[in-house]
């Protein structure tokens, strides 16, 4: 499996453009797909420079309904005529807000009517191409990220905390799994627990943001809490390699890197790797 990060918050090559969003291209012998579409059409411009043909994409897997992951979807649909869009029905039927820097609408606001025949709505374990499992997070044994407290949605006429019933987990692999988390709003440990209970195969790699932000004045996870998460990762998933970026803080990454060492890698716009 070959992967290329088409859009992320961080960048190494000046020839590409970064944004607050995430889009990863995945290619195997059987299919080509996108994991999310970033916040805009930025990923399309970067794809051309990274030798990725958008028209060849077979699937788009949308991890959740926030605009930094689904914002480029309409641009994609207008350029690609065949790909199926795999998404939770809750991702398009709700209105989402961030209150971290004032009240800000982070919904998708897409008119999918001209493309509705290309959408596949998932609310339970669904298999594509015999070796791709897509399902919602089923477990809540571990705490969800504290940064979730700044993310809201409209329920009735009220602004309430987002419960992330629109978040999906994407797993690739017939024998060993590669797991995509998107932002891991449900919590990285809850997601891994859900994978074990749903697919129950060894997890070779996990890719995506951890939604563990650098804590300012203690509003997010403490160093002790980060270390407790890492301890659980090393104990329960000793063979798993982790690739993170996007909503994982720089300081948090450094803390985790000290423990996981070579089993943790930092991705960014333009990053290419094989698994």
C-alpha atoms as a PDB file:
ATOM      1  CA  UNK A   1       0.000   0.000   0.000  1.00  0.00           C
ATOM      2  CA  UNK A   2       1.322   3.414  -1.010  1.00  0.00           C
ATOM      3  CA  UNK A   3       0.101   6.592   0.705  1.00  0.00           C
ATOM      4  CA  UNK A   4       0.538  10.280  -0.107  1.00  0.00           C
ATOM      5  CA  UNK A   5      -0.563  13.111   2.172  1.00  0.00           C
ATOM      6  CA  UNK A   6      -2.220  15.589  -0.193  1.00  0.00           C
ATOM      7  CA  UNK A   7      -3.310  18.070   2.470  1.00  0.00           C
ATOM      8  CA  UNK A   8      -2.347  18.691   6.093  1.00  0.00           C
ATOM      9  CA  UNK A   9      -1.700  21.550   8.518  1.00  0.00           C
ATOM     10  CA  UNK A  10       2.053  21.200   8.119  1.00  0.00           C
ATOM     11  CA  UNK A  11       4.325  21.193   5.092  1.00  0.00           C
ATOM     12  CA  UNK A  12       7.916  20.462   4.127  1.00  0.00           C
ATOM     13  CA  UNK A  13       8.009  21.259   0.403  1.00  0.00           C
ATOM     14  CA  UNK A  14       7.371  24.868  -0.595  1.00  0.00           C
ATOM     15  CA  UNK A  15       6.011  23.748  -3.965  1.00  0.00           C
ATOM     16  CA  UNK A  16       2.872  22.469  -2.218  1.00  0.00           C
ATOM     17  CA  UNK A  17       0.151  24.259  -0.246  1.00  0.00           C
ATOM     18  CA  UNK A  18      -0.875  23.481   3.331  1.00  0.00           C
ATOM     19  CA  UNK A  19      -4.177  24.157   5.091  1.00  0.00           C
ATOM     20  CA  UNK A  20      -5.999  23.211   8.277  1.00  0.00           C
ATOM     21  CA  UNK A  21      -7.389  19.985   6.917  1.00  0.00           C
ATOM     22  CA  UNK A  22      -6.517  16.414   6.045  1.00  0.00           C
ATOM     23  CA  UNK A  23      -6.572  14.400   2.837  1.00  0.00           C
ATOM     24  CA  UNK A  24      -4.559  11.231   2.226  1.00  0.00           C
ATOM     25  CA  UNK A  25      -4.296   9.287  -1.038  1.00  0.00           C
ATOM     26  CA  UNK A  26      -4.144   5.486  -0.812  1.00  0.00           C
ATOM     27  CA  UNK A  27      -3.163   3.194  -3.677  1.00  0.00           C
ATOM     28  CA  UNK A  28      -3.137  -0.604  -3.817  1.00  0.00           C
ATOM     29  CA  UNK A  29      -3.151  -3.076  -6.697  1.00  0.00           C
ATOM     30  CA  UNK A  30      -6.956  -3.293  -6.415  1.00  0.00           C
ATOM     31  CA  UNK A  31      -8.126   0.284  -5.831  1.00  0.00           C
ATOM     32  CA  UNK A  32      -7.264   3.944  -5.355  1.00  0.00           C
ATOM     33  CA  UNK A  33      -8.981   6.040  -2.738  1.00  0.00           C
ATOM     34  CA  UNK A  34      -8.948   9.224  -0.698  1.00  0.00           C
ATOM     35  CA  UNK A  35      -9.201   9.434   3.051  1.00  0.00           C
ATOM     36  CA  UNK A  36     -11.100  12.706   3.534  1.00  0.00           C
ATOM     37  CA  UNK A  37     -10.819  15.724   1.213  1.00  0.00           C
ATOM     38  CA  UNK A  38      -9.305  18.478   3.338  1.00  0.00           C
ATOM     39  CA  UNK A  39     -10.939  21.866   3.821  1.00  0.00           C
ATOM     40  CA  UNK A  40     -10.928  23.058   0.192  1.00  0.00           C
ATOM     41  CA  UNK A  41      -9.800  22.111  -3.319  1.00  0.00           C
ATOM     42  CA  UNK A  42      -6.217  22.524  -2.088  1.00  0.00           C
ATOM     43  CA  UNK A  43      -5.665  18.752  -2.262  1.00  0.00           C
ATOM     44  CA  UNK A  44      -6.458  18.749  -5.987  1.00  0.00           C
ATOM     45  CA  UNK A  45      -3.699  21.257  -6.726  1.00  0.00           C
ATOM     46  CA  UNK A  46      -1.239  19.268  -4.620  1.00  0.00           C
ATOM     47  CA  UNK A  47      -2.330  15.979  -6.202  1.00  0.00           C
ATOM     48  CA  UNK A  48      -1.319  17.218  -9.655  1.00  0.00           C
ATOM     49  CA  UNK A  49       2.157  18.043  -8.341  1.00  0.00           C
ATOM     50  CA  UNK A  50       2.416  14.659  -6.597  1.00  0.00           C
ATOM     51  CA  UNK A  51       1.427  12.626  -9.672  1.00  0.00           C
ATOM     52  CA  UNK A  52      -2.008  11.625  -8.403  1.00  0.00           C
ATOM     53  CA  UNK A  53      -4.811  11.600 -10.985  1.00  0.00           C
ATOM     54  CA  UNK A  54      -8.045  12.604  -9.252  1.00  0.00           C
ATOM     55  CA  UNK A  55     -10.116  11.056 -12.055  1.00  0.00           C
ATOM     56  CA  UNK A  56      -8.705   7.610 -11.219  1.00  0.00           C
ATOM     57  CA  UNK A  57      -9.986   7.581  -7.614  1.00  0.00           C
ATOM     58  CA  UNK A  58     -12.419   4.719  -6.886  1.00  0.00           C
ATOM     59  CA  UNK A  59     -13.554   5.653  -3.362  1.00  0.00           C
ATOM     60  CA  UNK A  60     -13.593   8.567  -0.954  1.00  0.00           C
ATOM     61  CA  UNK A  61     -13.885   7.604   2.706  1.00  0.00           C
ATOM     62  CA  UNK A  62     -15.065  10.501   4.873  1.00  0.00           C
ATOM     63  CA  UNK A  63     -14.092  10.116   8.528  1.00  0.00           C
ATOM     64  CA  UNK A  64     -16.531  12.724   9.887  1.00  0.00           C
ATOM     65  CA  UNK A  65     -18.592  15.766   8.975  1.00  0.00           C
ATOM     66  CA  UNK A  66     -16.322  18.649   9.980  1.00  0.00           C
ATOM     67  CA  UNK A  67     -15.375  21.050   7.210  1.00  0.00           C
ATOM     68  CA  UNK A  68     -11.616  20.467   7.481  1.00  0.00           C
ATOM     69  CA  UNK A  69     -12.203  16.872   6.331  1.00  0.00           C
ATOM     70  CA  UNK A  70     -15.131  17.246   3.946  1.00  0.00           C
ATOM     71  CA  UNK A  71     -14.657  20.791   2.631  1.00  0.00           C
ATOM     72  CA  UNK A  72     -13.050  19.652  -0.621  1.00  0.00           C
ATOM     73  CA  UNK A  73     -15.678  17.046  -1.449  1.00  0.00           C
ATOM     74  CA  UNK A  74     -17.713  19.147  -3.881  1.00  0.00           C
ATOM     75  CA  UNK A  75     -14.569  20.071  -5.817  1.00  0.00           C
ATOM     76  CA  UNK A  76     -13.739  16.365  -5.992  1.00  0.00           C
ATOM     77  CA  UNK A  77     -17.215  15.399  -7.221  1.00  0.00           C
ATOM     78  CA  UNK A  78     -16.984  17.962  -9.992  1.00  0.00           C
ATOM     79  CA  UNK A  79     -13.664  16.518 -11.185  1.00  0.00           C
ATOM     80  CA  UNK A  80     -14.158  12.773 -10.644  1.00  0.00           C
ATOM     81  CA  UNK A  81     -17.120  11.024 -12.288  1.00  0.00           C
ATOM     82  CA  UNK A  82     -16.974   7.517 -10.813  1.00  0.00           C
ATOM     83  CA  UNK A  83     -15.875   7.337  -7.170  1.00  0.00           C
ATOM     84  CA  UNK A  84     -18.240   6.165  -4.465  1.00  0.00           C
ATOM     85  CA  UNK A  85     -18.413   8.415  -1.392  1.00  0.00           C
ATOM     86  CA  UNK A  86     -18.497   6.436   1.844  1.00  0.00           C
ATOM     87  CA  UNK A  87     -19.819   8.525   4.716  1.00  0.00           C
ATOM     88  CA  UNK A  88     -22.010   8.454   7.821  1.00  0.00           C
ATOM     89  CA  UNK A  89     -25.533   9.709   7.185  1.00  0.00           C
ATOM     90  CA  UNK A  90     -25.076  11.842  10.314  1.00  0.00           C
ATOM     91  CA  UNK A  91     -22.200  13.755   8.724  1.00  0.00           C
ATOM     92  CA  UNK A  92     -24.507  15.584   6.311  1.00  0.00           C
ATOM     93  CA  UNK A  93     -27.653  15.879   8.417  1.00  0.00           C
ATOM     94  CA  UNK A  94     -26.229  17.925  11.290  1.00  0.00           C
ATOM     95  CA  UNK A  95     -24.801  21.416  11.756  1.00  0.00           C
ATOM     96  CA  UNK A  96     -21.451  21.618  13.552  1.00  0.00           C
ATOM     97  CA  UNK A  97     -19.673  24.463  15.344  1.00  0.00           C
ATOM     98  CA  UNK A  98     -16.330  25.186  16.973  1.00  0.00           C
ATOM     99  CA  UNK A  99     -16.216  27.555  19.956  1.00  0.00           C
ATOM    100  CA  UNK A 100     -12.433  27.451  20.454  1.00  0.00           C
ATOM    101  CA  UNK A 101     -11.853  30.868  18.866  1.00  0.00           C
ATOM    102  CA  UNK A 102     -15.343  32.308  18.970  1.00  0.00           C
ATOM    103  CA  UNK A 103     -18.411  30.644  17.475  1.00  0.00           C
ATOM    104  CA  UNK A 104     -17.554  29.273  14.027  1.00  0.00           C
ATOM    105  CA  UNK A 105     -19.627  27.080  11.717  1.00  0.00           C
ATOM    106  CA  UNK A 106     -17.639  23.990  10.676  1.00  0.00           C
ATOM    107  CA  UNK A 107     -20.438  22.190   8.813  1.00  0.00           C
ATOM    108  CA  UNK A 108     -20.094  20.939   5.252  1.00  0.00           C
ATOM    109  CA  UNK A 109     -23.193  22.610   3.739  1.00  0.00           C
ATOM    110  CA  UNK A 110     -22.962  20.480   0.601  1.00  0.00           C
ATOM    111  CA  UNK A 111     -25.699  20.095  -1.984  1.00  0.00           C
ATOM    112  CA  UNK A 112     -25.205  16.444  -2.886  1.00  0.00           C
ATOM    113  CA  UNK A 113     -28.459  16.043  -4.831  1.00  0.00           C
ATOM    114  CA  UNK A 114     -26.792  15.877  -8.268  1.00  0.00           C
ATOM    115  CA  UNK A 115     -24.417  13.198  -6.938  1.00  0.00           C
ATOM    116  CA  UNK A 116     -26.656  11.299  -4.514  1.00  0.00           C
ATOM    117  CA  UNK A 117     -26.365   8.046  -6.497  1.00  0.00           C
ATOM    118  CA  UNK A 118     -22.651   7.984  -5.688  1.00  0.00           C
ATOM    119  CA  UNK A 119     -23.079   8.159  -1.905  1.00  0.00           C
ATOM    120  CA  UNK A 120     -23.032   5.107   0.357  1.00  0.00           C
ATOM    121  CA  UNK A 121     -24.226   5.861   3.884  1.00  0.00           C
ATOM    122  CA  UNK A 122     -22.724   3.675   6.597  1.00  0.00           C
ATOM    123  CA  UNK A 123     -24.056   3.154  10.128  1.00  0.00           C
ATOM    124  CA  UNK A 124     -22.655  -0.316  10.923  1.00  0.00           C
ATOM    125  CA  UNK A 125     -19.757  -2.534   9.826  1.00  0.00           C
ATOM    126  CA  UNK A 126     -19.753  -2.408   6.022  1.00  0.00           C
ATOM    127  CA  UNK A 127     -17.231  -4.130   3.745  1.00  0.00           C
ATOM    128  CA  UNK A 128     -15.880  -2.810   0.442  1.00  0.00           C
ATOM    129  CA  UNK A 129     -13.552  -4.650  -1.970  1.00  0.00           C
ATOM    130  CA  UNK A 130     -13.537  -7.629   0.476  1.00  0.00           C
ATOM    131  CA  UNK A 131     -10.796  -6.072   2.640  1.00  0.00           C
ATOM    132  CA  UNK A 132     -12.006  -2.586   3.648  1.00  0.00           C
ATOM    133  CA  UNK A 133     -14.128  -2.359   6.794  1.00  0.00           C
ATOM    134  CA  UNK A 134     -15.956   0.879   7.644  1.00  0.00           C
ATOM    135  CA  UNK A 135     -17.880   1.289  10.896  1.00  0.00           C
ATOM    136  CA  UNK A 136     -18.632   3.766  13.702  1.00  0.00           C
ATOM    137  CA  UNK A 137     -16.776   3.771  17.004  1.00  0.00           C
ATOM    138  CA  UNK A 138     -18.579   1.363  19.320  1.00  0.00           C
ATOM    139  CA  UNK A 139     -16.551   1.662  22.511  1.00  0.00           C
ATOM    140  CA  UNK A 140     -16.350   4.293  25.224  1.00  0.00           C
ATOM    141  CA  UNK A 141     -14.214   2.648  27.912  1.00  0.00           C
ATOM    142  CA  UNK A 142     -11.572   5.384  27.693  1.00  0.00           C
ATOM    143  CA  UNK A 143     -11.851   9.189  27.911  1.00  0.00           C
ATOM    144  CA  UNK A 144     -12.529  11.161  24.752  1.00  0.00           C
ATOM    145  CA  UNK A 145     -10.083  13.990  23.910  1.00  0.00           C
ATOM    146  CA  UNK A 146     -10.542  17.053  26.103  1.00  0.00           C
ATOM    147  CA  UNK A 147     -10.378  19.334  23.057  1.00  0.00           C
ATOM    148  CA  UNK A 148     -13.798  17.947  22.079  1.00  0.00           C
ATOM    149  CA  UNK A 149     -15.302  20.330  24.629  1.00  0.00           C
ATOM    150  CA  UNK A 150     -14.919  23.159  22.097  1.00  0.00           C
ATOM    151  CA  UNK A 151     -16.886  21.268  19.421  1.00  0.00           C
ATOM    152  CA  UNK A 152     -20.665  21.560  19.294  1.00  0.00           C
ATOM    153  CA  UNK A 153     -23.667  20.757  17.128  1.00  0.00           C
ATOM    154  CA  UNK A 154     -27.262  21.904  16.813  1.00  0.00           C
ATOM    155  CA  UNK A 155     -29.857  19.607  18.369  1.00  0.00           C
ATOM    156  CA  UNK A 156     -33.378  20.936  18.114  1.00  0.00           C
ATOM    157  CA  UNK A 157     -32.829  24.644  18.661  1.00  0.00           C
ATOM    158  CA  UNK A 158     -29.971  24.228  21.111  1.00  0.00           C
ATOM    159  CA  UNK A 159     -26.201  24.145  20.854  1.00  0.00           C
ATOM    160  CA  UNK A 160     -24.992  20.921  22.509  1.00  0.00           C
ATOM    161  CA  UNK A 161     -21.700  19.050  22.714  1.00  0.00           C
ATOM    162  CA  UNK A 162     -20.868  17.050  19.598  1.00  0.00           C
ATOM    163  CA  UNK A 163     -21.204  13.333  20.400  1.00  0.00           C
ATOM    164  CA  UNK A 164     -19.419  12.345  17.165  1.00  0.00           C
ATOM    165  CA  UNK A 165     -22.107   9.963  16.001  1.00  0.00           C
ATOM    166  CA  UNK A 166     -20.901  10.984  12.522  1.00  0.00           C
ATOM    167  CA  UNK A 167     -17.346   9.630  12.939  1.00  0.00           C
ATOM    168  CA  UNK A 168     -16.306   6.492  11.041  1.00  0.00           C
ATOM    169  CA  UNK A 169     -13.303   4.197  11.355  1.00  0.00           C
ATOM    170  CA  UNK A 170     -11.744   2.887   8.129  1.00  0.00           C
ATOM    171  CA  UNK A 171      -9.710  -0.346   8.197  1.00  0.00           C
ATOM    172  CA  UNK A 172      -7.747  -1.791   5.273  1.00  0.00           C
ATOM    173  CA  UNK A 173      -6.319  -5.307   5.053  1.00  0.00           C
ATOM    174  CA  UNK A 174      -7.277  -8.970   4.765  1.00  0.00           C
ATOM    175  CA  UNK A 175      -4.891 -10.327   7.408  1.00  0.00           C
ATOM    176  CA  UNK A 176      -3.225  -7.322   9.063  1.00  0.00           C
ATOM    177  CA  UNK A 177      -5.053  -4.019   9.411  1.00  0.00           C
ATOM    178  CA  UNK A 178      -4.153  -0.452   8.558  1.00  0.00           C
ATOM    179  CA  UNK A 179      -6.518   1.832  10.482  1.00  0.00           C
ATOM    180  CA  UNK A 180      -7.441   5.408   9.552  1.00  0.00           C
ATOM    181  CA  UNK A 181      -8.738   7.572  12.400  1.00  0.00           C
ATOM    182  CA  UNK A 182      -9.429  10.961  10.798  1.00  0.00           C
ATOM    183  CA  UNK A 183      -9.261  13.145  13.919  1.00  0.00           C
ATOM    184  CA  UNK A 184      -9.917  10.365  16.464  1.00  0.00           C
ATOM    185  CA  UNK A 185     -12.544  12.492  18.184  1.00  0.00           C
ATOM    186  CA  UNK A 186     -13.877   9.345  19.872  1.00  0.00           C
ATOM    187  CA  UNK A 187     -10.445   8.780  21.392  1.00  0.00           C
ATOM    188  CA  UNK A 188      -7.553   6.788  19.974  1.00  0.00           C
ATOM    189  CA  UNK A 189      -7.945   4.014  22.567  1.00  0.00           C
ATOM    190  CA  UNK A 190     -11.703   3.721  22.016  1.00  0.00           C
ATOM    191  CA  UNK A 191     -11.107   3.485  18.271  1.00  0.00           C
ATOM    192  CA  UNK A 192      -8.513   0.733  18.645  1.00  0.00           C
ATOM    193  CA  UNK A 193     -10.823  -1.084  21.049  1.00  0.00           C
ATOM    194  CA  UNK A 194     -13.639  -0.850  18.471  1.00  0.00           C
ATOM    195  CA  UNK A 195     -11.359  -2.256  15.770  1.00  0.00           C
ATOM    196  CA  UNK A 196     -10.456  -5.236  17.957  1.00  0.00           C
ATOM    197  CA  UNK A 197     -14.108  -5.961  18.704  1.00  0.00           C
ATOM    198  CA  UNK A 198     -15.347  -5.438  15.141  1.00  0.00           C
ATOM    199  CA  UNK A 199     -12.633  -6.879  12.893  1.00  0.00           C
ATOM    200  CA  UNK A 200     -10.352  -8.660  15.396  1.00  0.00           C
ATOM    201  CA  UNK A 201      -7.190  -8.852  13.304  1.00  0.00           C
ATOM    202  CA  UNK A 202      -3.655  -7.657  14.120  1.00  0.00           C
ATOM    203  CA  UNK A 203      -3.213  -3.913  13.584  1.00  0.00           C
ATOM    204  CA  UNK A 204      -0.044  -3.141  11.628  1.00  0.00           C
ATOM    205  CA  UNK A 205      -0.460   0.617  11.440  1.00  0.00           C
ATOM    206  CA  UNK A 206      -2.701   3.456  12.537  1.00  0.00           C
ATOM    207  CA  UNK A 207      -2.849   6.692  10.544  1.00  0.00           C
ATOM    208  CA  UNK A 208      -4.498   9.993  11.432  1.00  0.00           C
ATOM    209  CA  UNK A 209      -4.767  12.790  13.927  1.00  0.00           C
ATOM    210  CA  UNK A 210      -5.059  11.986  17.634  1.00  0.00           C
ATOM    211  CA  UNK A 211      -6.951  15.171  18.571  1.00  0.00           C
ATOM    212  CA  UNK A 212      -4.511  15.667  21.423  1.00  0.00           C
ATOM    213  CA  UNK A 213      -3.730  19.383  21.369  1.00  0.00           C
ATOM    214  CA  UNK A 214      -0.870  21.153  23.109  1.00  0.00           C
ATOM    215  CA  UNK A 215      -2.265  22.131  26.486  1.00  0.00           C
ATOM    216  CA  UNK A 216      -2.362  25.797  27.441  1.00  0.00           C
ATOM    217  CA  UNK A 217      -2.891  26.398  31.139  1.00  0.00           C
ATOM    218  CA  UNK A 218      -4.120  22.837  31.578  1.00  0.00           C
ATOM    219  CA  UNK A 219      -7.253  22.966  29.422  1.00  0.00           C
ATOM    220  CA  UNK A 220      -6.317  19.782  27.531  1.00  0.00           C
ATOM    221  CA  UNK A 221      -4.556  16.526  28.454  1.00  0.00           C
ATOM    222  CA  UNK A 222      -1.753  16.775  31.003  1.00  0.00           C
ATOM    223  CA  UNK A 223       1.620  15.124  30.466  1.00  0.00           C
ATOM    224  CA  UNK A 224       0.535  12.415  32.898  1.00  0.00           C
ATOM    225  CA  UNK A 225      -2.624  11.735  30.891  1.00  0.00           C
ATOM    226  CA  UNK A 226      -0.668  11.620  27.619  1.00  0.00           C
ATOM    227  CA  UNK A 227       1.755   9.140  29.160  1.00  0.00           C
ATOM    228  CA  UNK A 228      -1.145   6.971  30.336  1.00  0.00           C
ATOM    229  CA  UNK A 229      -2.466   6.820  26.761  1.00  0.00           C
ATOM    230  CA  UNK A 230       0.982   5.928  25.434  1.00  0.00           C
ATOM    231  CA  UNK A 231       1.435   3.256  28.091  1.00  0.00           C
ATOM    232  CA  UNK A 232      -1.799   1.639  26.973  1.00  0.00           C
ATOM    233  CA  UNK A 233      -0.704   1.813  23.315  1.00  0.00           C
ATOM    234  CA  UNK A 234       2.628   0.137  24.033  1.00  0.00           C
ATOM    235  CA  UNK A 235       1.043  -2.531  26.233  1.00  0.00           C
ATOM    236  CA  UNK A 236      -1.999  -3.436  24.138  1.00  0.00           C
ATOM    237  CA  UNK A 237      -0.624  -2.736  20.635  1.00  0.00           C
ATOM    238  CA  UNK A 238       3.118  -3.504  20.789  1.00  0.00           C
ATOM    239  CA  UNK A 239       3.393  -4.334  17.069  1.00  0.00           C
ATOM    240  CA  UNK A 240       1.477  -1.309  15.770  1.00  0.00           C
ATOM    241  CA  UNK A 241       3.207   1.613  14.043  1.00  0.00           C
ATOM    242  CA  UNK A 242       1.614   5.053  14.275  1.00  0.00           C
ATOM    243  CA  UNK A 243       1.561   7.883  11.712  1.00  0.00           C
ATOM    244  CA  UNK A 244       0.115  11.156  12.952  1.00  0.00           C
ATOM    245  CA  UNK A 245      -0.221  14.846  12.133  1.00  0.00           C
ATOM    246  CA  UNK A 246      -3.096  17.307  11.626  1.00  0.00           C
ATOM    247  CA  UNK A 247      -4.710  17.653  15.084  1.00  0.00           C
ATOM    248  CA  UNK A 248      -1.827  16.199  17.095  1.00  0.00           C
ATOM    249  CA  UNK A 249       0.062  18.992  18.858  1.00  0.00           C
ATOM    250  CA  UNK A 250       3.804  19.493  18.346  1.00  0.00           C
ATOM    251  CA  UNK A 251       4.548  19.148  22.057  1.00  0.00           C
ATOM    252  CA  UNK A 252       2.241  16.155  22.373  1.00  0.00           C
ATOM    253  CA  UNK A 253       4.022  14.495  19.455  1.00  0.00           C
ATOM    254  CA  UNK A 254       7.391  15.018  21.155  1.00  0.00           C
ATOM    255  CA  UNK A 255       6.080  13.438  24.363  1.00  0.00           C
ATOM    256  CA  UNK A 256       4.722  10.407  22.524  1.00  0.00           C
ATOM    257  CA  UNK A 257       7.852  10.111  20.374  1.00  0.00           C
ATOM    258  CA  UNK A 258       9.996   9.729  23.493  1.00  0.00           C
ATOM    259  CA  UNK A 259       8.032   6.589  24.356  1.00  0.00           C
ATOM    260  CA  UNK A 260       7.225   5.077  20.955  1.00  0.00           C
ATOM    261  CA  UNK A 261      10.475   6.105  19.228  1.00  0.00           C
ATOM    262  CA  UNK A 262      10.665   4.542  15.742  1.00  0.00           C
ATOM    263  CA  UNK A 263       7.088   3.283  15.984  1.00  0.00           C
ATOM    264  CA  UNK A 264       5.793   6.863  15.650  1.00  0.00           C
ATOM    265  CA  UNK A 265       6.104   8.955  12.489  1.00  0.00           C
ATOM    266  CA  UNK A 266       5.066  12.540  11.750  1.00  0.00           C
ATOM    267  CA  UNK A 267       3.211  13.166   8.484  1.00  0.00           C
ATOM    268  CA  UNK A 268       2.731  16.455   6.638  1.00  0.00           C
ATOM    269  CA  UNK A 269       1.620  17.769   3.253  1.00  0.00           C
ATOM    270  CA  UNK A 270       3.752  15.985   0.659  1.00  0.00           C
ATOM    271  CA  UNK A 271       4.703  13.044   2.890  1.00  0.00           C
ATOM    272  CA  UNK A 272       4.817   9.759   0.948  1.00  0.00           C
ATOM    273  CA  UNK A 273       5.215   6.323   2.488  1.00  0.00           C
ATOM    274  CA  UNK A 274       4.592   2.610   1.959  1.00  0.00           C
ATOM    275  CA  UNK A 275       3.061   0.149   4.400  1.00  0.00           C
END
